[in-house]
Amino acid sequence: MDNFLRALKVVQNTILANKGELTMSQYTELLSKIKELEEALKTKQAIVPARKASNMHNAAWEWLRNKGITDGTHPQNFLTREQFATMLKRYHDSFNKN
Protein backbone atom coordinates (compact mmCIF):
# COMPACT_ATOMS: atom_id res chain seq x y z
CA MET A 1 0.00 0.00 0.00
CA ASP A 2 2.93 2.33 0.67
CA ASN A 3 3.98 2.09 -2.99
CA PHE A 4 0.45 2.94 -4.11
CA LEU A 5 0.42 6.02 -1.89
CA ARG A 6 3.88 7.03 -3.10
CA ALA A 7 2.73 6.75 -6.72
CA LEU A 8 -0.32 8.85 -5.93
CA LYS A 9 1.92 11.45 -4.23
CA VAL A 10 4.09 11.66 -7.39
CA VAL A 11 0.99 12.53 -9.42
CA GLN A 12 -0.07 15.12 -6.86
CA ASN A 13 3.40 16.67 -6.60
CA THR A 14 3.74 16.95 -10.38
CA ILE A 15 0.45 18.78 -10.63
CA LEU A 16 1.26 21.09 -7.69
CA ALA A 17 4.80 21.83 -8.90
CA ASN A 18 3.42 22.99 -12.24
CA LYS A 19 0.58 24.96 -10.63
CA GLY A 20 -1.90 22.99 -12.70
CA GLU A 21 -0.21 23.99 -15.97
CA LEU A 22 1.20 20.90 -17.64
CA THR A 23 2.83 20.32 -20.98
CA MET A 24 1.12 17.82 -23.23
CA SER A 25 3.89 15.33 -22.47
CA GLN A 26 3.43 15.76 -18.70
CA TYR A 27 -0.33 15.47 -19.10
CA THR A 28 0.01 12.25 -21.09
CA GLU A 29 2.45 10.80 -18.56
CA LEU A 30 0.18 11.70 -15.63
CA LEU A 31 -2.86 10.32 -17.40
CA SER A 32 -1.02 7.03 -17.91
CA LYS A 33 -0.01 6.91 -14.21
CA ILE A 34 -3.58 7.70 -13.11
CA LYS A 35 -4.94 4.89 -15.29
CA GLU A 36 -2.34 2.53 -13.79
CA LEU A 37 -3.44 3.52 -10.28
CA GLU A 38 -7.12 3.12 -11.18
CA GLU A 39 -6.44 -0.37 -12.53
CA ALA A 40 -4.59 -1.29 -9.34
CA LEU A 41 -7.62 -0.19 -7.34
CA LYS A 42 -10.03 -2.10 -9.59
CA THR A 43 -8.13 -5.34 -9.22
CA LYS A 44 -7.56 -4.76 -5.49
CA GLN A 45 -3.85 -5.17 -5.96
CA ALA A 46 -1.42 -2.87 -4.26
CA ILE A 47 1.64 -1.91 -6.22
CA VAL A 48 4.02 -3.96 -4.11
CA PRO A 49 7.42 -5.17 -5.19
CA ALA A 50 8.00 -8.90 -4.91
CA ARG A 51 9.77 -9.47 -1.60
CA LYS A 52 10.55 -12.44 0.57
CA ALA A 53 8.91 -12.97 3.91
CA SER A 54 10.48 -10.84 6.61
CA ASN A 55 12.91 -12.53 8.99
CA MET A 56 10.32 -12.38 11.77
CA HIS A 57 7.80 -14.40 9.73
CA ASN A 58 10.06 -16.49 7.50
CA ALA A 59 9.90 -19.71 9.57
CA ALA A 60 6.09 -19.65 9.67
CA TRP A 61 5.89 -18.82 5.96
CA GLU A 62 8.18 -21.72 5.08
CA TRP A 63 6.15 -24.05 7.32
CA LEU A 64 2.94 -23.08 5.46
CA ARG A 65 4.66 -23.58 2.10
CA ASN A 66 6.10 -26.98 3.10
CA LYS A 67 2.66 -28.13 4.32
CA GLY A 68 1.13 -27.12 0.97
CA ILE A 69 -1.15 -24.56 2.61
CA THR A 70 0.27 -21.79 0.43
CA ASP A 71 2.28 -21.90 -2.78
CA GLY A 72 4.89 -19.66 -1.17
CA THR A 73 4.59 -16.75 -3.59
CA HIS A 74 4.01 -13.10 -2.66
CA PRO A 75 4.32 -13.34 1.13
CA GLN A 76 3.79 -9.61 1.60
CA ASN A 77 0.74 -9.15 -0.66
CA PHE A 78 -2.77 -8.82 0.67
CA LEU A 79 -4.83 -11.93 1.45
CA THR A 80 -8.43 -12.11 0.26
CA ARG A 81 -11.13 -13.89 2.23
CA GLU A 82 -11.41 -16.52 -0.49
CA GLN A 83 -7.67 -17.19 -0.32
CA PHE A 84 -7.91 -17.37 3.47
CA ALA A 85 -10.75 -19.89 3.17
CA THR A 86 -8.67 -22.05 0.85
CA MET A 87 -5.72 -21.93 3.23
CA LEU A 88 -7.94 -22.89 6.18
CA LYS A 89 -9.38 -25.81 4.23
CA ARG A 90 -5.92 -27.02 3.24
CA TYR A 91 -4.84 -26.80 6.87
CA HIS A 92 -7.93 -28.72 7.98
CA ASP A 93 -7.50 -31.34 5.27
CA SER A 94 -3.87 -31.87 6.29
CA PHE A 95 -5.13 -33.42 9.55
CA ASN A 96 -7.61 -35.72 7.80
CA LYS A 97 -5.21 -37.45 5.40
CA ASN A 98 -5.03 -41.20 5.80
PDB file of N, CA and C in Angstrom:
ATOM      1  N   MET A   1       0.821  -1.188   0.000  1.00  0.00           N
ATOM      2  CA  MET A   1       0.000   0.000   0.000  1.00  0.00           C
ATOM      3  C   MET A   1       0.868   1.255   0.000  1.00  0.00           C
ATOM      4  N   ASP A   2       2.037   1.176   0.639  1.00  0.00           N
ATOM      5  CA  ASP A   2       2.931   2.332   0.666  1.00  0.00           C
ATOM      6  C   ASP A   2       3.334   2.746  -0.740  1.00  0.00           C
ATOM      7  N   ASN A   3       3.595   1.770  -1.611  1.00  0.00           N
ATOM      8  CA  ASN A   3       3.981   2.095  -2.988  1.00  0.00           C
ATOM      9  C   ASN A   3       2.839   2.764  -3.736  1.00  0.00           C
ATOM     10  N   PHE A   4       1.622   2.330  -3.483  1.00  0.00           N
ATOM     11  CA  PHE A   4       0.452   2.936  -4.114  1.00  0.00           C
ATOM     12  C   PHE A   4       0.353   4.398  -3.688  1.00  0.00           C
ATOM     13  N   LEU A   5       0.504   4.652  -2.389  1.00  0.00           N
ATOM     14  CA  LEU A   5       0.417   6.023  -1.889  1.00  0.00           C
ATOM     15  C   LEU A   5       1.564   6.886  -2.412  1.00  0.00           C
ATOM     16  N   ARG A   6       2.753   6.290  -2.531  1.00  0.00           N
ATOM     17  CA  ARG A   6       3.885   7.034  -3.102  1.00  0.00           C
ATOM     18  C   ARG A   6       3.603   7.404  -4.559  1.00  0.00           C
ATOM     19  N   ALA A   7       3.049   6.479  -5.317  1.00  0.00           N
ATOM     20  CA  ALA A   7       2.734   6.752  -6.724  1.00  0.00           C
ATOM     21  C   ALA A   7       1.688   7.863  -6.830  1.00  0.00           C
ATOM     22  N   LEU A   8       0.705   7.826  -5.949  1.00  0.00           N
ATOM     23  CA  LEU A   8      -0.324   8.855  -5.927  1.00  0.00           C
ATOM     24  C   LEU A   8       0.290  10.207  -5.565  1.00  0.00           C
ATOM     25  N   LYS A   9       1.242  10.212  -4.645  1.00  0.00           N
ATOM     26  CA  LYS A   9       1.924  11.446  -4.234  1.00  0.00           C
ATOM     27  C   LYS A   9       2.735  12.024  -5.394  1.00  0.00           C
ATOM     28  N   VAL A  10       3.340  11.181  -6.219  1.00  0.00           N
ATOM     29  CA  VAL A  10       4.088  11.655  -7.388  1.00  0.00           C
ATOM     30  C   VAL A  10       3.156  12.419  -8.318  1.00  0.00           C
ATOM     31  N   VAL A  11       1.969  11.861  -8.562  1.00  0.00           N
ATOM     32  CA  VAL A  11       0.991  12.527  -9.425  1.00  0.00           C
ATOM     33  C   VAL A  11       0.624  13.876  -8.819  1.00  0.00           C
ATOM     34  N   GLN A  12       0.317  13.879  -7.538  1.00  0.00           N
ATOM     35  CA  GLN A  12      -0.075  15.116  -6.864  1.00  0.00           C
ATOM     36  C   GLN A  12       1.058  16.151  -6.914  1.00  0.00           C
ATOM     37  N   ASN A  13       2.273  15.743  -6.611  1.00  0.00           N
ATOM     38  CA  ASN A  13       3.404  16.672  -6.602  1.00  0.00           C
ATOM     39  C   ASN A  13       3.675  17.265  -7.979  1.00  0.00           C
ATOM     40  N   THR A  14       3.521  16.456  -9.016  1.00  0.00           N
ATOM     41  CA  THR A  14       3.740  16.954 -10.375  1.00  0.00           C
ATOM     42  C   THR A  14       2.730  18.034 -10.714  1.00  0.00           C
ATOM     43  N   ILE A  15       1.494  17.792 -10.346  1.00  0.00           N
ATOM     44  CA  ILE A  15       0.446  18.784 -10.626  1.00  0.00           C
ATOM     45  C   ILE A  15       0.698  20.056  -9.823  1.00  0.00           C
ATOM     46  N   LEU A  16       1.019  19.919  -8.540  1.00  0.00           N
ATOM     47  CA  LEU A  16       1.258  21.088  -7.687  1.00  0.00           C
ATOM     48  C   LEU A  16       2.495  21.873  -8.119  1.00  0.00           C
ATOM     49  N   ALA A  17       3.562  21.163  -8.492  1.00  0.00           N
ATOM     50  CA  ALA A  17       4.797  21.827  -8.896  1.00  0.00           C
ATOM     51  C   ALA A  17       4.593  22.678 -10.145  1.00  0.00           C
ATOM     52  N   ASN A  18       3.683  22.258 -10.999  1.00  0.00           N
ATOM     53  CA  ASN A  18       3.423  22.988 -12.240  1.00  0.00           C
ATOM     54  C   ASN A  18       2.219  23.916 -12.117  1.00  0.00           C
ATOM     55  N   LYS A  19       1.722  24.078 -10.907  1.00  0.00           N
ATOM     56  CA  LYS A  19       0.578  24.958 -10.629  1.00  0.00           C
ATOM     57  C   LYS A  19      -0.583  24.673 -11.571  1.00  0.00           C
ATOM     58  N   GLY A  20      -0.774  23.388 -11.857  1.00  0.00           N
ATOM     59  CA  GLY A  20      -1.895  22.992 -12.703  1.00  0.00           C
ATOM     60  C   GLY A  20      -1.650  23.167 -14.186  1.00  0.00           C
ATOM     61  N   GLU A  21      -0.517  23.760 -14.566  1.00  0.00           N
ATOM     62  CA  GLU A  21      -0.206  23.990 -15.971  1.00  0.00           C
ATOM     63  C   GLU A  21       0.808  22.947 -16.427  1.00  0.00           C
ATOM     64  N   LEU A  22       0.348  21.992 -17.197  1.00  0.00           N
ATOM     65  CA  LEU A  22       1.197  20.897 -17.638  1.00  0.00           C
ATOM     66  C   LEU A  22       1.423  20.963 -19.141  1.00  0.00           C
ATOM     67  N   THR A  23       2.595  20.484 -19.545  1.00  0.00           N
ATOM     68  CA  THR A  23       2.826  20.322 -20.980  1.00  0.00           C
ATOM     69  C   THR A  23       2.025  19.111 -21.432  1.00  0.00           C
ATOM     70  N   MET A  24       1.861  18.969 -22.694  1.00  0.00           N
ATOM     71  CA  MET A  24       1.116  17.823 -23.226  1.00  0.00           C
ATOM     72  C   MET A  24       1.806  16.525 -22.833  1.00  0.00           C
ATOM     73  N   SER A  25       3.123  16.516 -22.850  1.00  0.00           N
ATOM     74  CA  SER A  25       3.895  15.331 -22.472  1.00  0.00           C
ATOM     75  C   SER A  25       3.653  14.986 -20.995  1.00  0.00           C
ATOM     76  N   GLN A  26       3.682  16.001 -20.124  1.00  0.00           N
ATOM     77  CA  GLN A  26       3.430  15.764 -18.704  1.00  0.00           C
ATOM     78  C   GLN A  26       2.002  15.271 -18.485  1.00  0.00           C
ATOM     79  N   TYR A  27       1.067  15.873 -19.207  1.00  0.00           N
ATOM     80  CA  TYR A  27      -0.333  15.469 -19.098  1.00  0.00           C
ATOM     81  C   TYR A  27      -0.500  14.006 -19.504  1.00  0.00           C
ATOM     82  N   THR A  28       0.104  13.620 -20.603  1.00  0.00           N
ATOM     83  CA  THR A  28       0.011  12.246 -21.090  1.00  0.00           C
ATOM     84  C   THR A  28       0.627  11.268 -20.094  1.00  0.00           C
ATOM     85  N   GLU A  29       1.785  11.646 -19.545  1.00  0.00           N
ATOM     86  CA  GLU A  29       2.449  10.798 -18.562  1.00  0.00           C
ATOM     87  C   GLU A  29       1.596  10.640 -17.293  1.00  0.00           C
ATOM     88  N   LEU A  30       1.034  11.756 -16.824  1.00  0.00           N
ATOM     89  CA  LEU A  30       0.182  11.696 -15.632  1.00  0.00           C
ATOM     90  C   LEU A  30      -1.088  10.888 -15.894  1.00  0.00           C
ATOM     91  N   LEU A  31      -1.665  11.068 -17.053  1.00  0.00           N
ATOM     92  CA  LEU A  31      -2.858  10.318 -17.403  1.00  0.00           C
ATOM     93  C   LEU A  31      -2.574   8.821 -17.388  1.00  0.00           C
ATOM     94  N   SER A  32      -1.424   8.434 -17.917  1.00  0.00           N
ATOM     95  CA  SER A  32      -1.020   7.028 -17.910  1.00  0.00           C
ATOM     96  C   SER A  32      -0.864   6.516 -16.482  1.00  0.00           C
ATOM     97  N   LYS A  33      -0.217   7.303 -15.609  1.00  0.00           N
ATOM     98  CA  LYS A  33      -0.008   6.910 -14.212  1.00  0.00           C
ATOM     99  C   LYS A  33      -1.351   6.809 -13.481  1.00  0.00           C
ATOM    100  N   ILE A  34      -2.255   7.735 -13.746  1.00  0.00           N
ATOM    101  CA  ILE A  34      -3.576   7.695 -13.106  1.00  0.00           C
ATOM    102  C   ILE A  34      -4.334   6.449 -13.536  1.00  0.00           C
ATOM    103  N   LYS A  35      -4.271   6.098 -14.808  1.00  0.00           N
ATOM    104  CA  LYS A  35      -4.935   4.887 -15.291  1.00  0.00           C
ATOM    105  C   LYS A  35      -4.335   3.643 -14.641  1.00  0.00           C
ATOM    106  N   GLU A  36      -3.019   3.642 -14.464  1.00  0.00           N
ATOM    107  CA  GLU A  36      -2.344   2.526 -13.794  1.00  0.00           C
ATOM    108  C   GLU A  36      -2.840   2.402 -12.348  1.00  0.00           C
ATOM    109  N   LEU A  37      -2.950   3.526 -11.665  1.00  0.00           N
ATOM    110  CA  LEU A  37      -3.438   3.516 -10.282  1.00  0.00           C
ATOM    111  C   LEU A  37      -4.896   3.070 -10.207  1.00  0.00           C
ATOM    112  N   GLU A  38      -5.718   3.539 -11.145  1.00  0.00           N
ATOM    113  CA  GLU A  38      -7.119   3.118 -11.176  1.00  0.00           C
ATOM    114  C   GLU A  38      -7.232   1.614 -11.382  1.00  0.00           C
ATOM    115  N   GLU A  39      -6.421   1.069 -12.270  1.00  0.00           N
ATOM    116  CA  GLU A  39      -6.440  -0.372 -12.532  1.00  0.00           C
ATOM    117  C   GLU A  39      -6.027  -1.152 -11.287  1.00  0.00           C
ATOM    118  N   ALA A  40      -5.019  -0.636 -10.576  1.00  0.00           N
ATOM    119  CA  ALA A  40      -4.586  -1.292  -9.339  1.00  0.00           C
ATOM    120  C   ALA A  40      -5.718  -1.304  -8.323  1.00  0.00           C
ATOM    121  N   LEU A  41      -6.478  -0.236  -8.262  1.00  0.00           N
ATOM    122  CA  LEU A  41      -7.622  -0.195  -7.341  1.00  0.00           C
ATOM    123  C   LEU A  41      -8.720  -1.159  -7.779  1.00  0.00           C
ATOM    124  N   LYS A  42      -8.976  -1.211  -9.080  1.00  0.00           N
ATOM    125  CA  LYS A  42     -10.027  -2.103  -9.588  1.00  0.00           C
ATOM    126  C   LYS A  42      -9.721  -3.559  -9.282  1.00  0.00           C
ATOM    127  N   THR A  43      -8.499  -3.939  -9.418  1.00  0.00           N
ATOM    128  CA  THR A  43      -8.127  -5.339  -9.220  1.00  0.00           C
ATOM    129  C   THR A  43      -7.726  -5.636  -7.782  1.00  0.00           C
ATOM    130  N   LYS A  44      -7.863  -4.614  -6.919  1.00  0.00           N
ATOM    131  CA  LYS A  44      -7.560  -4.759  -5.490  1.00  0.00           C
ATOM    132  C   LYS A  44      -6.130  -5.212  -5.246  1.00  0.00           C
ATOM    133  N   GLN A  45      -5.247  -4.801  -6.106  1.00  0.00           N
ATOM    134  CA  GLN A  45      -3.852  -5.169  -5.955  1.00  0.00           C
ATOM    135  C   GLN A  45      -3.051  -3.930  -5.641  1.00  0.00           C
ATOM    136  N   ALA A  46      -2.332  -3.969  -4.564  1.00  0.00           N
ATOM    137  CA  ALA A  46      -1.420  -2.873  -4.256  1.00  0.00           C
ATOM    138  C   ALA A  46      -0.203  -2.992  -5.160  1.00  0.00           C
ATOM    139  N   ILE A  47       0.419  -1.891  -5.428  1.00  0.00           N
ATOM    140  CA  ILE A  47       1.637  -1.906  -6.221  1.00  0.00           C
ATOM    141  C   ILE A  47       2.771  -2.217  -5.253  1.00  0.00           C
ATOM    142  N   VAL A  48       3.043  -3.501  -5.092  1.00  0.00           N
ATOM    143  CA  VAL A  48       4.021  -3.962  -4.112  1.00  0.00           C
ATOM    144  C   VAL A  48       5.119  -4.730  -4.832  1.00  0.00           C
ATOM    145  N   PRO A  49       6.354  -4.389  -4.572  1.00  0.00           N
ATOM    146  CA  PRO A  49       7.423  -5.172  -5.190  1.00  0.00           C
ATOM    147  C   PRO A  49       7.459  -6.574  -4.603  1.00  0.00           C
ATOM    148  N   ALA A  50       7.896  -7.525  -5.395  1.00  0.00           N
ATOM    149  CA  ALA A  50       8.002  -8.900  -4.907  1.00  0.00           C
ATOM    150  C   ALA A  50       9.118  -8.952  -3.869  1.00  0.00           C
ATOM    151  N   ARG A  51       8.780  -9.358  -2.659  1.00  0.00           N
ATOM    152  CA  ARG A  51       9.771  -9.469  -1.597  1.00  0.00           C
ATOM    153  C   ARG A  51       9.565 -10.781  -0.875  1.00  0.00           C
ATOM    154  N   LYS A  52      10.622 -11.221  -0.236  1.00  0.00           N
ATOM    155  CA  LYS A  52      10.548 -12.438   0.565  1.00  0.00           C
ATOM    156  C   LYS A  52       9.876 -12.124   1.889  1.00  0.00           C
ATOM    157  N   ALA A  53       9.463 -13.165   2.583  1.00  0.00           N
ATOM    158  CA  ALA A  53       8.909 -12.973   3.911  1.00  0.00           C
ATOM    159  C   ALA A  53       9.967 -12.341   4.807  1.00  0.00           C
ATOM    160  N   SER A  54       9.526 -11.480   5.706  1.00  0.00           N
ATOM    161  CA  SER A  54      10.477 -10.838   6.612  1.00  0.00           C
ATOM    162  C   SER A  54      11.073 -11.888   7.549  1.00  0.00           C
ATOM    163  N   ASN A  55      12.227 -11.581   8.096  1.00  0.00           N
ATOM    164  CA  ASN A  55      12.909 -12.525   8.991  1.00  0.00           C
ATOM    165  C   ASN A  55      12.003 -12.988  10.122  1.00  0.00           C
ATOM    166  N   MET A  56      11.204 -12.074  10.653  1.00  0.00           N
ATOM    167  CA  MET A  56      10.325 -12.385  11.770  1.00  0.00           C
ATOM    168  C   MET A  56       9.290 -13.466  11.413  1.00  0.00           C
ATOM    169  N   HIS A  57       8.870 -13.488  10.153  1.00  0.00           N
ATOM    170  CA  HIS A  57       7.799 -14.397   9.732  1.00  0.00           C
ATOM    171  C   HIS A  57       8.276 -15.513   8.801  1.00  0.00           C
ATOM    172  N   ASN A  58       9.543 -15.549   8.492  1.00  0.00           N
ATOM    173  CA  ASN A  58      10.056 -16.493   7.502  1.00  0.00           C
ATOM    174  C   ASN A  58       9.826 -17.956   7.896  1.00  0.00           C
ATOM    175  N   ALA A  59      10.066 -18.301   9.151  1.00  0.00           N
ATOM    176  CA  ALA A  59       9.901 -19.706   9.572  1.00  0.00           C
ATOM    177  C   ALA A  59       8.452 -20.152   9.411  1.00  0.00           C
ATOM    178  N   ALA A  60       7.513 -19.302   9.806  1.00  0.00           N
ATOM    179  CA  ALA A  60       6.091 -19.647   9.673  1.00  0.00           C
ATOM    180  C   ALA A  60       5.691 -19.734   8.201  1.00  0.00           C
ATOM    181  N   TRP A  61       6.208 -18.813   7.387  1.00  0.00           N
ATOM    182  CA  TRP A  61       5.891 -18.818   5.957  1.00  0.00           C
ATOM    183  C   TRP A  61       6.404 -20.098   5.304  1.00  0.00           C
ATOM    184  N   GLU A  62       7.615 -20.493   5.629  1.00  0.00           N
ATOM    185  CA  GLU A  62       8.182 -21.720   5.078  1.00  0.00           C
ATOM    186  C   GLU A  62       7.400 -22.948   5.553  1.00  0.00           C
ATOM    187  N   TRP A  63       6.953 -22.943   6.791  1.00  0.00           N
ATOM    188  CA  TRP A  63       6.150 -24.046   7.318  1.00  0.00           C
ATOM    189  C   TRP A  63       4.861 -24.179   6.511  1.00  0.00           C
ATOM    190  N   LEU A  64       4.178 -23.054   6.266  1.00  0.00           N
ATOM    191  CA  LEU A  64       2.945 -23.078   5.460  1.00  0.00           C
ATOM    192  C   LEU A  64       3.214 -23.603   4.052  1.00  0.00           C
ATOM    193  N   ARG A  65       4.310 -23.145   3.449  1.00  0.00           N
ATOM    194  CA  ARG A  65       4.660 -23.584   2.098  1.00  0.00           C
ATOM    195  C   ARG A  65       4.964 -25.077   2.083  1.00  0.00           C
ATOM    196  N   ASN A  66       5.733 -25.561   3.048  1.00  0.00           N
ATOM    197  CA  ASN A  66       6.095 -26.983   3.104  1.00  0.00           C
ATOM    198  C   ASN A  66       4.885 -27.878   3.349  1.00  0.00           C
ATOM    199  N   LYS A  67       3.894 -27.374   4.062  1.00  0.00           N
ATOM    200  CA  LYS A  67       2.663 -28.131   4.318  1.00  0.00           C
ATOM    201  C   LYS A  67       1.689 -28.075   3.139  1.00  0.00           C
ATOM    202  N   GLY A  68       2.005 -27.241   2.136  1.00  0.00           N
ATOM    203  CA  GLY A  68       1.128 -27.121   0.972  1.00  0.00           C
ATOM    204  C   GLY A  68      -0.076 -26.230   1.228  1.00  0.00           C
ATOM    205  N   ILE A  69      -0.033 -25.439   2.288  1.00  0.00           N
ATOM    206  CA  ILE A  69      -1.152 -24.558   2.610  1.00  0.00           C
ATOM    207  C   ILE A  69      -1.109 -23.304   1.745  1.00  0.00           C
ATOM    208  N   THR A  70       0.088 -22.886   1.372  1.00  0.00           N
ATOM    209  CA  THR A  70       0.270 -21.790   0.426  1.00  0.00           C
ATOM    210  C   THR A  70       1.307 -22.222  -0.610  1.00  0.00           C
ATOM    211  N   ASP A  71       1.282 -21.559  -1.759  1.00  0.00           N
ATOM    212  CA  ASP A  71       2.281 -21.901  -2.777  1.00  0.00           C
ATOM    213  C   ASP A  71       3.616 -21.199  -2.530  1.00  0.00           C
ATOM    214  N   GLY A  72       3.650 -20.311  -1.544  1.00  0.00           N
ATOM    215  CA  GLY A  72       4.892 -19.658  -1.174  1.00  0.00           C
ATOM    216  C   GLY A  72       5.212 -18.382  -1.933  1.00  0.00           C
ATOM    217  N   THR A  73       4.320 -17.976  -2.842  1.00  0.00           N
ATOM    218  CA  THR A  73       4.586 -16.746  -3.595  1.00  0.00           C
ATOM    219  C   THR A  73       3.955 -15.544  -2.900  1.00  0.00           C
ATOM    220  N   HIS A  74       4.532 -14.394  -3.112  1.00  0.00           N
ATOM    221  CA  HIS A  74       4.012 -13.103  -2.663  1.00  0.00           C
ATOM    222  C   HIS A  74       3.663 -13.046  -1.168  1.00  0.00           C
ATOM    223  N   PRO A  75       4.624 -13.307  -0.303  1.00  0.00           N
ATOM    224  CA  PRO A  75       4.319 -13.340   1.128  1.00  0.00           C
ATOM    225  C   PRO A  75       3.874 -12.002   1.710  1.00  0.00           C
ATOM    226  N   GLN A  76       4.156 -10.897   1.032  1.00  0.00           N
ATOM    227  CA  GLN A  76       3.786  -9.605   1.597  1.00  0.00           C
ATOM    228  C   GLN A  76       2.619  -8.949   0.866  1.00  0.00           C
ATOM    229  N   ASN A  77       1.946  -9.678  -0.011  1.00  0.00           N
ATOM    230  CA  ASN A  77       0.743  -9.152  -0.658  1.00  0.00           C
ATOM    231  C   ASN A  77      -0.463  -9.357   0.249  1.00  0.00           C
ATOM    232  N   PHE A  78      -1.550  -8.682  -0.092  1.00  0.00           N
ATOM    233  CA  PHE A  78      -2.773  -8.821   0.669  1.00  0.00           C
ATOM    234  C   PHE A  78      -3.379 -10.204   0.487  1.00  0.00           C
ATOM    235  N   LEU A  79      -4.145 -10.645   1.466  1.00  0.00           N
ATOM    236  CA  LEU A  79      -4.834 -11.934   1.446  1.00  0.00           C
ATOM    237  C   LEU A  79      -6.327 -11.680   1.365  1.00  0.00           C
ATOM    238  N   THR A  80      -6.988 -12.253   0.371  1.00  0.00           N
ATOM    239  CA  THR A  80      -8.431 -12.108   0.263  1.00  0.00           C
ATOM    240  C   THR A  80      -9.115 -13.133   1.162  1.00  0.00           C
ATOM    241  N   ARG A  81     -10.384 -12.928   1.405  1.00  0.00           N
ATOM    242  CA  ARG A  81     -11.126 -13.890   2.226  1.00  0.00           C
ATOM    243  C   ARG A  81     -11.230 -15.237   1.530  1.00  0.00           C
ATOM    244  N   GLU A  82     -11.331 -15.238   0.208  1.00  0.00           N
ATOM    245  CA  GLU A  82     -11.414 -16.522  -0.485  1.00  0.00           C
ATOM    246  C   GLU A  82     -10.080 -17.267  -0.409  1.00  0.00           C
ATOM    247  N   GLN A  83      -8.976 -16.541  -0.479  1.00  0.00           N
ATOM    248  CA  GLN A  83      -7.675 -17.187  -0.320  1.00  0.00           C
ATOM    249  C   GLN A  83      -7.517 -17.718   1.105  1.00  0.00           C
ATOM    250  N   PHE A  84      -7.982 -16.938   2.080  1.00  0.00           N
ATOM    251  CA  PHE A  84      -7.908 -17.367   3.471  1.00  0.00           C
ATOM    252  C   PHE A  84      -8.736 -18.642   3.672  1.00  0.00           C
ATOM    253  N   ALA A  85      -9.910 -18.701   3.060  1.00  0.00           N
ATOM    254  CA  ALA A  85     -10.753 -19.888   3.169  1.00  0.00           C
ATOM    255  C   ALA A  85     -10.045 -21.110   2.584  1.00  0.00           C
ATOM    256  N   THR A  86      -9.399 -20.941   1.466  1.00  0.00           N
ATOM    257  CA  THR A  86      -8.667 -22.052   0.848  1.00  0.00           C
ATOM    258  C   THR A  86      -7.536 -22.513   1.756  1.00  0.00           C
ATOM    259  N   MET A  87      -6.825 -21.564   2.342  1.00  0.00           N
ATOM    260  CA  MET A  87      -5.725 -21.929   3.234  1.00  0.00           C
ATOM    261  C   MET A  87      -6.238 -22.653   4.477  1.00  0.00           C
ATOM    262  N   LEU A  88      -7.362 -22.195   5.027  1.00  0.00           N
ATOM    263  CA  LEU A  88      -7.941 -22.886   6.182  1.00  0.00           C
ATOM    264  C   LEU A  88      -8.354 -24.305   5.828  1.00  0.00           C
ATOM    265  N   LYS A  89      -8.964 -24.468   4.654  1.00  0.00           N
ATOM    266  CA  LYS A  89      -9.385 -25.811   4.231  1.00  0.00           C
ATOM    267  C   LYS A  89      -8.185 -26.721   4.036  1.00  0.00           C
ATOM    268  N   ARG A  90      -7.130 -26.212   3.418  1.00  0.00           N
ATOM    269  CA  ARG A  90      -5.923 -27.024   3.241  1.00  0.00           C
ATOM    270  C   ARG A  90      -5.332 -27.424   4.590  1.00  0.00           C
ATOM    271  N   TYR A  91      -5.342 -26.498   5.524  1.00  0.00           N
ATOM    272  CA  TYR A  91      -4.840 -26.797   6.868  1.00  0.00           C
ATOM    273  C   TYR A  91      -5.701 -27.881   7.519  1.00  0.00           C
ATOM    274  N   HIS A  92      -7.013 -27.724   7.431  1.00  0.00           N
ATOM    275  CA  HIS A  92      -7.934 -28.717   7.985  1.00  0.00           C
ATOM    276  C   HIS A  92      -7.741 -30.078   7.335  1.00  0.00           C
ATOM    277  N   ASP A  93      -7.657 -30.090   6.009  1.00  0.00           N
ATOM    278  CA  ASP A  93      -7.500 -31.338   5.267  1.00  0.00           C
ATOM    279  C   ASP A  93      -6.183 -32.031   5.591  1.00  0.00           C
ATOM    280  N   SER A  94      -5.169 -31.259   5.977  1.00  0.00           N
ATOM    281  CA  SER A  94      -3.872 -31.866   6.288  1.00  0.00           C
ATOM    282  C   SER A  94      -3.950 -32.777   7.530  1.00  0.00           C
ATOM    283  N   PHE A  95      -4.950 -32.576   8.380  1.00  0.00           N
ATOM    284  CA  PHE A  95      -5.134 -33.423   9.550  1.00  0.00           C
ATOM    285  C   PHE A  95      -5.975 -34.667   9.240  1.00  0.00           C
ATOM    286  N   ASN A  96      -6.688 -34.643   8.133  1.00  0.00           N
ATOM    287  CA  ASN A  96      -7.606 -35.722   7.804  1.00  0.00           C
ATOM    288  C   ASN A  96      -7.086 -36.634   6.706  1.00  0.00           C
ATOM    289  N   LYS A  97      -5.795 -36.550   6.409  1.00  0.00           N
ATOM    290  CA  LYS A  97      -5.215 -37.450   5.399  1.00  0.00           C
ATOM    291  C   LYS A  97      -4.943 -38.805   6.028  1.00  0.00           C
ATOM    292  N   ASN A  98      -5.286 -39.827   5.318  1.00  0.00           N
ATOM    293  CA  ASN A  98      -5.035 -41.196   5.802  1.00  0.00           C
ATOM    294  C   ASN A  98      -4.143 -41.943   4.873  1.00  0.00           C
TER     295      ASN A  98
END
